[in-house]
N, C-alpha and C. Protein backbone atom coordinates (compact mmCIF):
# COMPACT_ATOMS: atom_id res chain seq x y z
N MET A 1 157.08 74.79 122.10
CA MET A 1 157.98 74.84 120.89
C MET A 1 157.96 73.50 119.85
N ARG A 2 158.39 73.81 118.76
CA ARG A 2 158.11 72.52 117.92
C ARG A 2 159.50 72.26 117.32
N ARG A 3 159.74 70.84 117.23
CA ARG A 3 160.97 70.42 116.91
C ARG A 3 160.78 69.47 115.70
N THR A 4 162.08 69.58 114.89
CA THR A 4 161.94 68.86 113.70
C THR A 4 163.05 68.01 113.57
N GLY A 5 163.64 67.37 112.80
CA GLY A 5 164.76 66.35 112.78
C GLY A 5 166.11 67.28 112.45
N ALA A 6 165.98 68.41 112.35
CA ALA A 6 167.25 69.24 112.22
C ALA A 6 168.21 68.88 113.11
N THR A 7 169.59 69.27 113.01
CA THR A 7 170.36 68.85 114.14
C THR A 7 170.95 70.27 114.57
N CYS A 8 170.35 71.60 114.31
CA CYS A 8 170.87 72.73 114.76
C CYS A 8 170.63 72.69 116.37
N GLU A 9 171.61 73.29 116.92
CA GLU A 9 171.45 73.40 118.47
C GLU A 9 172.16 74.95 118.92
N LEU A 10 171.51 75.78 119.32
CA LEU A 10 172.01 77.06 119.83
C LEU A 10 171.92 77.09 121.47
N HIS A 11 172.96 77.76 121.80
CA HIS A 11 172.99 77.72 123.42
C HIS A 11 172.88 79.44 123.91
N VAL A 12 172.00 79.92 124.46
CA VAL A 12 172.08 81.28 124.89
C VAL A 12 172.29 81.51 126.30
N THR A 13 172.79 82.40 126.72
CA THR A 13 173.18 82.79 128.07
C THR A 13 172.74 84.44 128.22
N PHE A 14 171.68 84.52 129.06
CA PHE A 14 171.17 85.81 129.39
C PHE A 14 171.96 86.51 130.43
N ALA A 15 171.81 88.02 130.49
CA ALA A 15 172.59 88.86 131.21
C ALA A 15 172.47 88.49 132.70
N ASP A 16 171.46 87.71 133.07
CA ASP A 16 171.34 87.32 134.51
C ASP A 16 171.93 86.04 134.90
N GLY A 17 172.57 85.53 133.71
CA GLY A 17 173.35 84.08 133.93
C GLY A 17 172.36 82.87 133.62
N THR A 18 171.12 83.04 133.59
CA THR A 18 170.38 81.99 133.10
C THR A 18 170.86 81.50 131.70
N GLN A 19 170.50 80.00 131.25
CA GLN A 19 170.74 79.63 130.22
C GLN A 19 169.62 78.91 129.38
N GLU A 20 169.54 78.81 128.11
CA GLU A 20 168.54 78.03 127.38
C GLU A 20 169.15 77.41 126.22
N THR A 21 168.77 76.35 125.87
CA THR A 21 169.08 75.75 124.57
C THR A 21 167.87 75.60 123.45
N VAL A 22 168.11 75.85 122.33
CA VAL A 22 167.19 75.79 121.52
C VAL A 22 167.60 74.76 120.29
N HIS A 23 166.59 74.00 119.74
CA HIS A 23 167.11 73.10 118.41
C HIS A 23 166.37 73.52 117.26
N GLY A 24 166.76 72.80 116.16
CA GLY A 24 166.18 73.05 114.93
C GLY A 24 164.74 72.98 114.69
N GLY A 25 164.20 73.79 114.42
CA GLY A 25 162.66 73.83 114.40
C GLY A 25 161.81 74.54 115.56
N ASP A 26 162.64 75.05 116.61
CA ASP A 26 162.10 75.68 117.57
C ASP A 26 161.76 77.17 117.29
N LEU A 27 160.90 77.71 117.81
CA LEU A 27 160.61 79.12 117.71
C LEU A 27 160.89 79.94 118.91
N PHE A 28 161.66 80.75 119.07
CA PHE A 28 161.93 81.44 120.23
C PHE A 28 162.22 82.83 120.26
N HIS A 29 162.15 83.76 121.31
CA HIS A 29 162.24 85.03 121.57
C HIS A 29 163.48 85.24 122.62
N TRP A 30 164.53 86.20 122.09
CA TRP A 30 165.34 86.27 123.15
C TRP A 30 165.42 88.02 123.32
N PRO A 31 165.12 88.41 124.66
CA PRO A 31 165.15 89.88 124.96
C PRO A 31 166.84 90.32 124.79
N PRO A 32 166.87 91.63 124.78
CA PRO A 32 168.01 92.07 124.72
C PRO A 32 168.95 91.75 125.87
N GLY A 33 170.28 91.60 125.84
CA GLY A 33 171.21 91.28 126.82
C GLY A 33 171.60 89.52 127.10
N HIS A 34 172.03 89.12 125.79
CA HIS A 34 172.08 87.77 125.57
C HIS A 34 173.18 87.52 124.72
N THR A 35 174.08 86.29 124.95
CA THR A 35 174.85 85.94 123.92
C THR A 35 174.68 84.47 123.34
N VAL A 36 174.85 84.20 122.14
CA VAL A 36 174.68 82.90 121.62
C VAL A 36 175.86 82.14 121.12
N ARG A 37 175.88 81.04 121.43
CA ARG A 37 176.74 80.00 120.83
C ARG A 37 176.05 79.05 120.12
N ALA A 38 176.72 78.47 118.84
CA ALA A 38 176.11 77.42 118.06
C ALA A 38 176.64 76.12 118.61
N GLY A 39 176.14 75.10 118.82
CA GLY A 39 176.61 73.76 119.26
C GLY A 39 176.94 72.66 118.01
N ALA A 40 176.11 73.26 116.85
CA ALA A 40 176.52 72.36 115.74
C ALA A 40 176.18 73.32 114.66
N ASP A 41 176.54 72.81 113.38
CA ASP A 41 176.29 73.40 112.03
C ASP A 41 174.86 74.08 112.19
N SER A 42 174.57 75.44 111.83
CA SER A 42 173.23 75.93 111.98
C SER A 42 172.96 76.85 110.96
N GLU A 43 171.78 76.98 110.64
CA GLU A 43 171.19 77.80 109.70
C GLU A 43 170.02 78.49 110.49
N VAL A 44 170.12 79.92 110.68
CA VAL A 44 169.22 80.34 111.61
C VAL A 44 168.59 81.71 110.68
N VAL A 45 167.25 81.73 110.91
CA VAL A 45 166.59 83.11 110.33
C VAL A 45 166.13 83.79 111.38
N LEU A 46 166.78 85.04 111.51
CA LEU A 46 166.51 86.11 112.66
C LEU A 46 165.65 87.19 112.16
N PHE A 47 164.61 87.62 112.91
CA PHE A 47 163.96 88.80 112.61
C PHE A 47 164.21 89.77 113.83
N SER A 48 164.71 90.91 113.40
CA SER A 48 165.10 91.90 114.57
C SER A 48 164.80 93.33 114.08
N PRO A 49 164.44 94.31 114.81
CA PRO A 49 164.46 95.69 114.36
C PRO A 49 165.83 95.96 113.70
N GLN A 50 165.72 96.50 112.47
CA GLN A 50 166.70 96.71 111.50
C GLN A 50 167.84 97.74 112.23
N HIS A 51 167.39 98.73 112.88
CA HIS A 51 168.48 99.65 113.15
C HIS A 51 169.26 98.98 114.37
N GLU A 52 168.66 98.55 115.36
CA GLU A 52 169.07 97.88 116.56
C GLU A 52 170.07 96.58 116.08
N HIS A 53 169.71 95.84 115.19
CA HIS A 53 170.42 94.53 114.63
C HIS A 53 171.80 94.95 113.84
N GLY A 54 171.42 96.28 112.99
CA GLY A 54 172.54 96.63 112.46
C GLY A 54 173.87 97.31 113.17
N ALA A 55 173.32 97.81 114.41
CA ALA A 55 174.40 98.39 115.22
C ALA A 55 175.22 97.15 115.86
N VAL A 56 174.39 95.99 116.25
CA VAL A 56 174.89 94.91 116.77
C VAL A 56 176.14 94.24 115.78
N ILE A 57 175.41 94.15 114.49
CA ILE A 57 176.47 93.58 113.41
C ILE A 57 177.57 94.21 113.30
N ASP A 58 177.50 95.73 113.14
CA ASP A 58 178.65 96.60 112.92
C ASP A 58 179.75 96.35 114.10
N HIS A 59 179.13 96.33 115.34
CA HIS A 59 180.09 96.06 116.55
C HIS A 59 180.78 94.51 116.47
N MET A 60 180.12 93.62 115.93
CA MET A 60 180.74 92.47 116.08
C MET A 60 181.92 92.42 114.68
N LEU A 61 181.63 93.06 113.65
CA LEU A 61 182.55 93.21 112.64
C LEU A 61 183.81 94.08 113.00
N ALA A 62 183.59 95.12 113.95
CA ALA A 62 184.65 95.89 114.26
C ALA A 62 185.53 95.01 115.10
N LYS A 63 184.91 94.14 116.11
CA LYS A 63 185.66 93.44 117.02
C LYS A 63 186.62 92.32 116.41
N MET A 64 186.00 91.84 115.16
CA MET A 64 186.57 90.64 114.44
C MET A 64 187.78 91.20 113.65
N GLN A 65 188.00 92.57 113.36
CA GLN A 65 188.80 93.28 112.55
C GLN A 65 190.08 93.54 113.60
N GLY A 66 189.94 93.52 114.67
CA GLY A 66 190.91 93.73 115.86
C GLY A 66 190.80 95.10 116.53
């Protein structure tokens, strides 16, 4: 992994309970079955299959609306 001076910090928990932390400048791959929490202000560029990622975003938006 490559790190820069960025302060971004993301914490991921996988379905099996294992955890990982990535920092600004890191390159990572997260398989299905994870949750993410930002530990600091973060700007993230994600590359995901559009159809699957769209379903996740729709689900999150529905949950936020109550």
